[in-house]
Amino acid sequence: MRNAWQSVLVTDLPATEWLTVPDLVDLLGLTPSRVRRLIEDRHLVAVRRDGVVSVPSSFIREGEPLTELRGTIIVLADNRFSDDEIMEWLLEPNDLLDTSPIEALRAGRKAEVRRIAQAL
């Protein structure tokens, strides 16, 4: 069984700033093992980009993982989405939201995002 942070290469995601584990270590003030634990515990979701485990910068707010993200990741994982599919769903524009789910989460629309995720 693959760990959450060991996703396969994803190349066609929307342009975004990506943070590697060392970037997250610096930004969050944590050890690399603690950053990987955040990924494994679904506080963050990561994919491999050019062979490097990466997380979009939009998943971080004020030096912490976006609190609204974890429940949404869990809902999608419970619906059998792979980490790559979760990442794609969070970053791609969604017609029902008129924006990407991650931007809707950042705007405080957690209930709406999760309702759509549960219906998938």
C-alpha atoms as a PDB file:
ATOM      1  CA  MET A   1       0.000   0.000   0.000  1.00  0.00           C
ATOM      2  CA  ARG A   2       1.343   3.400  -0.991  1.00  0.00           C
ATOM      3  CA  ASN A   3       1.609   6.222   1.565  1.00  0.00           C
ATOM      4  CA  ALA A   4      -0.377   9.400   0.878  1.00  0.00           C
ATOM      5  CA  TRP A   5       2.825  11.309   0.071  1.00  0.00           C
ATOM      6  CA  GLN A   6       3.993   8.719  -2.456  1.00  0.00           C
ATOM      7  CA  SER A   7       1.615   9.680  -5.277  1.00  0.00           C
ATOM      8  CA  VAL A   8       2.441   9.153  -8.904  1.00  0.00           C
ATOM      9  CA  LEU A   9       3.589  11.947 -11.209  1.00  0.00           C
ATOM     10  CA  VAL A  10       0.938  14.555 -12.015  1.00  0.00           C
ATOM     11  CA  THR A  11       1.696  16.834 -14.942  1.00  0.00           C
ATOM     12  CA  ASP A  12      -1.535  18.468 -16.086  1.00  0.00           C
ATOM     13  CA  LEU A  13      -2.626  20.352 -12.978  1.00  0.00           C
ATOM     14  CA  PRO A  14      -3.325  24.082 -13.179  1.00  0.00           C
ATOM     15  CA  ALA A  15      -0.409  26.441 -12.734  1.00  0.00           C
ATOM     16  CA  THR A  16       0.227  27.051  -9.062  1.00  0.00           C
ATOM     17  CA  GLU A  17       3.143  27.580  -6.726  1.00  0.00           C
ATOM     18  CA  TRP A  18       4.310  24.223  -5.400  1.00  0.00           C
ATOM     19  CA  LEU A  19       6.033  23.610  -2.071  1.00  0.00           C
ATOM     20  CA  THR A  20       8.371  20.676  -1.481  1.00  0.00           C
ATOM     21  CA  VAL A  21       8.858  18.974   1.878  1.00  0.00           C
ATOM     22  CA  PRO A  22      11.938  21.148   2.619  1.00  0.00           C
ATOM     23  CA  ASP A  23       9.859  24.246   1.721  1.00  0.00           C
ATOM     24  CA  LEU A  24       7.125  23.099   4.101  1.00  0.00           C
ATOM     25  CA  VAL A  25       9.703  22.405   6.825  1.00  0.00           C
ATOM     26  CA  ASP A  26      10.850  26.035   6.573  1.00  0.00           C
ATOM     27  CA  LEU A  27       7.365  27.513   6.208  1.00  0.00           C
ATOM     28  CA  LEU A  28       5.697  25.506   8.974  1.00  0.00           C
ATOM     29  CA  GLY A  29       8.702  25.253  11.296  1.00  0.00           C
ATOM     30  CA  LEU A  30       8.404  21.467  11.527  1.00  0.00           C
ATOM     31  CA  THR A  31      10.683  18.506  10.963  1.00  0.00           C
ATOM     32  CA  PRO A  32      10.521  16.598   7.661  1.00  0.00           C
ATOM     33  CA  SER A  33       8.961  13.625   9.464  1.00  0.00           C
ATOM     34  CA  ARG A  34       6.261  15.857  10.970  1.00  0.00           C
ATOM     35  CA  VAL A  35       5.498  17.321   7.520  1.00  0.00           C
ATOM     36  CA  ARG A  36       5.175  13.797   6.111  1.00  0.00           C
ATOM     37  CA  ARG A  37       2.898  12.931   9.044  1.00  0.00           C
ATOM     38  CA  LEU A  38       0.624  15.883   8.121  1.00  0.00           C
ATOM     39  CA  ILE A  39       0.351  14.359   4.648  1.00  0.00           C
ATOM     40  CA  GLU A  40      -0.216  10.820   5.921  1.00  0.00           C
ATOM     41  CA  ASP A  41      -2.852  12.057   8.404  1.00  0.00           C
ATOM     42  CA  ARG A  42      -4.653  13.888   5.591  1.00  0.00           C
ATOM     43  CA  HIS A  43      -4.100  17.431   6.854  1.00  0.00           C
ATOM     44  CA  LEU A  44      -2.475  17.926   3.444  1.00  0.00           C
ATOM     45  CA  VAL A  45      -2.446  15.980   0.199  1.00  0.00           C
ATOM     46  CA  ALA A  46       0.694  15.796  -1.932  1.00  0.00           C
ATOM     47  CA  VAL A  47       1.640  14.580  -5.381  1.00  0.00           C
ATOM     48  CA  ARG A  48       4.940  13.908  -7.098  1.00  0.00           C
ATOM     49  CA  ARG A  49       5.944  16.598  -9.583  1.00  0.00           C
ATOM     50  CA  ASP A  50       9.143  15.852 -11.456  1.00  0.00           C
ATOM     51  CA  GLY A  51       9.783  13.121  -8.882  1.00  0.00           C
ATOM     52  CA  VAL A  52       9.500  15.486  -5.911  1.00  0.00           C
ATOM     53  CA  VAL A  53       6.728  15.332  -3.302  1.00  0.00           C
ATOM     54  CA  SER A  54       4.900  18.655  -3.589  1.00  0.00           C
ATOM     55  CA  VAL A  55       1.952  20.507  -2.080  1.00  0.00           C
ATOM     56  CA  PRO A  56       0.268  23.592  -3.576  1.00  0.00           C
ATOM     57  CA  SER A  57       0.980  26.768  -1.627  1.00  0.00           C
ATOM     58  CA  SER A  58      -2.775  27.447  -1.587  1.00  0.00           C
ATOM     59  CA  PHE A  59      -3.114  24.582   0.919  1.00  0.00           C
ATOM     60  CA  ILE A  60      -1.272  26.712   3.504  1.00  0.00           C
ATOM     61  CA  ARG A  61      -2.647  29.801   5.268  1.00  0.00           C
ATOM     62  CA  GLU A  62      -0.816  31.873   7.866  1.00  0.00           C
ATOM     63  CA  GLY A  63       1.898  29.256   8.344  1.00  0.00           C
ATOM     64  CA  GLU A  64      -0.527  26.365   8.924  1.00  0.00           C
ATOM     65  CA  PRO A  65      -2.289  23.793   6.746  1.00  0.00           C
ATOM     66  CA  LEU A  66      -5.709  25.104   5.739  1.00  0.00           C
ATOM     67  CA  THR A  67      -7.981  23.707   8.466  1.00  0.00           C
ATOM     68  CA  GLU A  68     -10.927  23.244   6.076  1.00  0.00           C
ATOM     69  CA  LEU A  69      -8.849  20.993   3.846  1.00  0.00           C
ATOM     70  CA  ARG A  70      -8.585  17.842   5.984  1.00  0.00           C
ATOM     71  CA  GLY A  71     -12.288  16.999   6.085  1.00  0.00           C
ATOM     72  CA  THR A  72     -12.618  17.577   2.361  1.00  0.00           C
ATOM     73  CA  ILE A  73      -9.630  15.316   1.645  1.00  0.00           C
ATOM     74  CA  ILE A  74     -11.188  12.614   3.832  1.00  0.00           C
ATOM     75  CA  VAL A  75     -14.570  12.895   2.066  1.00  0.00           C
ATOM     76  CA  LEU A  76     -12.879  12.512  -1.320  1.00  0.00           C
ATOM     77  CA  ALA A  77     -10.684   9.625  -0.124  1.00  0.00           C
ATOM     78  CA  ASP A  78     -13.775   7.900   1.289  1.00  0.00           C
ATOM     79  CA  ASN A  79     -15.255   8.212  -2.206  1.00  0.00           C
ATOM     80  CA  ARG A  80     -12.220   6.243  -3.451  1.00  0.00           C
ATOM     81  CA  PHE A  81     -10.424   9.199  -5.043  1.00  0.00           C
ATOM     82  CA  SER A  82      -6.675   8.678  -5.390  1.00  0.00           C
ATOM     83  CA  ASP A  83      -4.361  11.426  -4.139  1.00  0.00           C
ATOM     84  CA  ASP A  84      -3.852  12.531  -7.746  1.00  0.00           C
ATOM     85  CA  GLU A  85      -7.610  12.714  -8.287  1.00  0.00           C
ATOM     86  CA  ILE A  86      -8.073  14.603  -5.009  1.00  0.00           C
ATOM     87  CA  MET A  87      -5.446  17.124  -6.066  1.00  0.00           C
ATOM     88  CA  GLU A  88      -6.994  17.550  -9.491  1.00  0.00           C
ATOM     89  CA  TRP A  89     -10.491  18.002  -8.030  1.00  0.00           C
ATOM     90  CA  LEU A  90      -9.304  20.593  -5.515  1.00  0.00           C
ATOM     91  CA  LEU A  91      -7.363  22.664  -8.066  1.00  0.00           C
ATOM     92  CA  GLU A  92      -9.518  22.480 -11.194  1.00  0.00           C
ATOM     93  CA  PRO A  93     -12.336  25.022 -11.676  1.00  0.00           C
ATOM     94  CA  ASN A  94     -15.706  23.609 -10.678  1.00  0.00           C
ATOM     95  CA  ASP A  95     -18.822  24.868 -12.456  1.00  0.00           C
ATOM     96  CA  LEU A  96     -21.003  24.376  -9.370  1.00  0.00           C
ATOM     97  CA  LEU A  97     -18.688  26.605  -7.329  1.00  0.00           C
ATOM     98  CA  ASP A  98     -17.737  29.093 -10.084  1.00  0.00           C
ATOM     99  CA  THR A  99     -14.140  28.661  -8.873  1.00  0.00           C
ATOM    100  CA  SER A 100     -11.837  25.853  -7.811  1.00  0.00           C
ATOM    101  CA  PRO A 101     -12.776  23.957  -4.648  1.00  0.00           C
ATOM    102  CA  ILE A 102      -9.554  25.074  -2.923  1.00  0.00           C
ATOM    103  CA  GLU A 103     -10.386  28.729  -3.573  1.00  0.00           C
ATOM    104  CA  ALA A 104     -13.931  28.145  -2.312  1.00  0.00           C
ATOM    105  CA  LEU A 105     -12.507  26.554   0.858  1.00  0.00           C
ATOM    106  CA  ARG A 106     -10.168  29.526   1.331  1.00  0.00           C
ATOM    107  CA  ALA A 107     -13.206  31.822   0.965  1.00  0.00           C
ATOM    108  CA  GLY A 108     -15.057  30.065   3.794  1.00  0.00           C
ATOM    109  CA  ARG A 109     -17.395  27.931   1.664  1.00  0.00           C
ATOM    110  CA  LYS A 110     -16.517  24.646   3.397  1.00  0.00           C
ATOM    111  CA  ALA A 111     -20.063  23.277   3.675  1.00  0.00           C
ATOM    112  CA  GLU A 112     -20.780  23.904  -0.011  1.00  0.00           C
ATOM    113  CA  VAL A 113     -17.505  22.285  -1.116  1.00  0.00           C
ATOM    114  CA  ARG A 114     -18.068  19.218   1.059  1.00  0.00           C
ATOM    115  CA  ARG A 115     -21.668  18.854  -0.078  1.00  0.00           C
ATOM    116  CA  ILE A 116     -20.450  18.736  -3.703  1.00  0.00           C
ATOM    117  CA  ALA A 117     -17.615  16.344  -2.791  1.00  0.00           C
ATOM    118  CA  GLN A 118     -20.029  13.992  -1.015  1.00  0.00           C
ATOM    119  CA  ALA A 119     -22.289  13.886  -4.068  1.00  0.00           C
ATOM    120  CA  LEU A 120     -19.463  12.643  -6.325  1.00  0.00           C
END
